[in-house]
């Protein structure tokens, strides 16, 4: 399993489309920095097919005033949860 890290809002770039094409069936996607905008109810449709494999960093959500506005399909993790995901992954792939 690979952990993909996305730091761009899905609606502002073509990078999320490339991420989805590169992801395997067991891979996970972690939204960080401005990527957490993809966790919003209005944006999550840009990241289809990731039920149970889509995560967003709580600290980045809070720093952008987005806490409590995420789609139910997104798992919110804190920094410790982020570290745990990296430990479970064979490797991480950063998308900028």
Protein backbone atom coordinates (compact mmCIF):
# COMPACT_ATOMS: atom_id res chain seq x y z
CA UNK A 1 0.00 0.00 0.00
CA UNK A 2 1.23 3.47 -0.92
CA UNK A 3 0.24 6.66 0.86
CA UNK A 4 -0.29 9.52 -1.56
CA UNK A 5 0.02 13.05 -0.14
CA UNK A 6 -1.88 15.82 -1.91
CA UNK A 7 -1.31 19.46 -0.97
CA UNK A 8 -3.47 21.13 -3.66
CA UNK A 9 -7.19 21.78 -3.69
CA UNK A 10 -8.81 19.35 -6.17
CA UNK A 11 -10.71 22.09 -7.98
CA UNK A 12 -7.62 24.28 -8.54
CA UNK A 13 -5.30 21.88 -10.31
CA UNK A 14 -5.05 18.86 -12.60
CA UNK A 15 -2.78 17.12 -10.09
CA UNK A 16 -5.67 15.35 -8.25
CA UNK A 17 -6.70 13.70 -11.52
CA UNK A 18 -3.15 12.42 -11.95
CA UNK A 19 -3.14 11.14 -8.36
CA UNK A 20 -6.33 9.14 -8.94
CA UNK A 21 -4.88 7.58 -12.09
CA UNK A 22 -1.71 6.57 -10.27
CA UNK A 23 -3.39 5.08 -7.21
CA UNK A 24 -3.71 1.33 -6.76
CA UNK A 25 -6.76 -0.36 -5.27
CA UNK A 26 -5.20 -0.51 -1.78
CA UNK A 27 -3.49 2.89 -1.83
CA UNK A 28 -4.61 5.71 0.42
CA UNK A 29 -4.82 9.45 -0.15
CA UNK A 30 -3.92 11.96 2.56
CA UNK A 31 -5.02 15.57 2.05
CA UNK A 32 -2.62 18.08 3.58
CA UNK A 33 -2.10 21.85 3.38
CA UNK A 34 -4.53 23.29 0.75
CA UNK A 35 -5.39 19.74 -0.27
CA UNK A 36 -7.78 19.61 2.70
CA UNK A 37 -10.24 21.68 0.67
CA UNK A 38 -10.91 18.39 -1.14
CA UNK A 39 -12.48 17.06 2.07
CA UNK A 40 -15.37 19.54 1.88
CA UNK A 41 -18.84 18.34 0.94
CA UNK A 42 -18.71 20.51 -2.19
CA UNK A 43 -15.27 19.26 -3.31
CA UNK A 44 -15.11 15.56 -2.48
CA UNK A 45 -16.75 14.67 -5.81
CA UNK A 46 -13.39 15.51 -7.41
CA UNK A 47 -11.96 12.46 -5.58
CA UNK A 48 -14.36 9.61 -6.42
CA UNK A 49 -13.94 5.97 -5.47
CA UNK A 50 -11.86 6.50 -2.34
CA UNK A 51 -14.33 5.42 0.32
CA UNK A 52 -12.37 4.31 3.37
CA UNK A 53 -9.09 5.44 1.80
CA UNK A 54 -9.41 9.25 1.94
CA UNK A 55 -7.88 11.12 4.89
CA UNK A 56 -7.45 14.78 5.83
CA UNK A 57 -5.10 16.32 8.35
CA UNK A 58 -7.02 17.90 11.26
CA UNK A 59 -4.41 20.60 11.91
CA UNK A 60 -4.61 21.83 8.31
CA UNK A 61 -8.42 21.80 8.40
CA UNK A 62 -8.44 23.82 11.61
CA UNK A 63 -5.86 26.34 10.38
CA UNK A 64 -8.12 27.05 7.37
CA UNK A 65 -11.35 27.25 9.37
CA UNK A 66 -12.69 24.06 7.76
CA UNK A 67 -13.15 21.88 10.86
CA UNK A 68 -16.62 20.37 10.96
CA UNK A 69 -17.28 20.99 7.26
CA UNK A 70 -15.89 17.73 5.85
CA UNK A 71 -17.79 15.09 3.94
CA UNK A 72 -18.65 11.98 5.96
CA UNK A 73 -16.56 9.85 3.58
CA UNK A 74 -13.34 11.57 4.75
CA UNK A 75 -11.45 10.25 7.76
CA UNK A 76 -9.97 13.09 9.79
CA UNK A 77 -6.63 12.31 11.43
CA UNK A 78 -4.33 14.33 13.65
CA UNK A 79 -0.55 14.39 13.31
CA UNK A 80 -0.22 11.11 15.23
CA UNK A 81 -2.71 9.50 12.83
CA UNK A 82 -0.72 10.87 9.90
CA UNK A 83 2.45 9.31 11.29
CA UNK A 84 0.61 5.99 11.76
CA UNK A 85 -0.50 6.05 8.12
CA UNK A 86 3.08 6.63 6.95
CA UNK A 87 4.27 3.74 9.10
CA UNK A 88 1.67 1.40 7.54
CA UNK A 89 2.61 2.38 3.99
CA UNK A 90 5.42 0.79 2.00
CA UNK A 91 6.29 4.31 0.89
CA UNK A 92 4.77 7.73 0.42
CA UNK A 93 4.31 9.67 -2.79
CA UNK A 94 4.03 13.48 -2.62
CA UNK A 95 1.97 15.35 -5.21
CA UNK A 96 2.61 19.09 -5.49
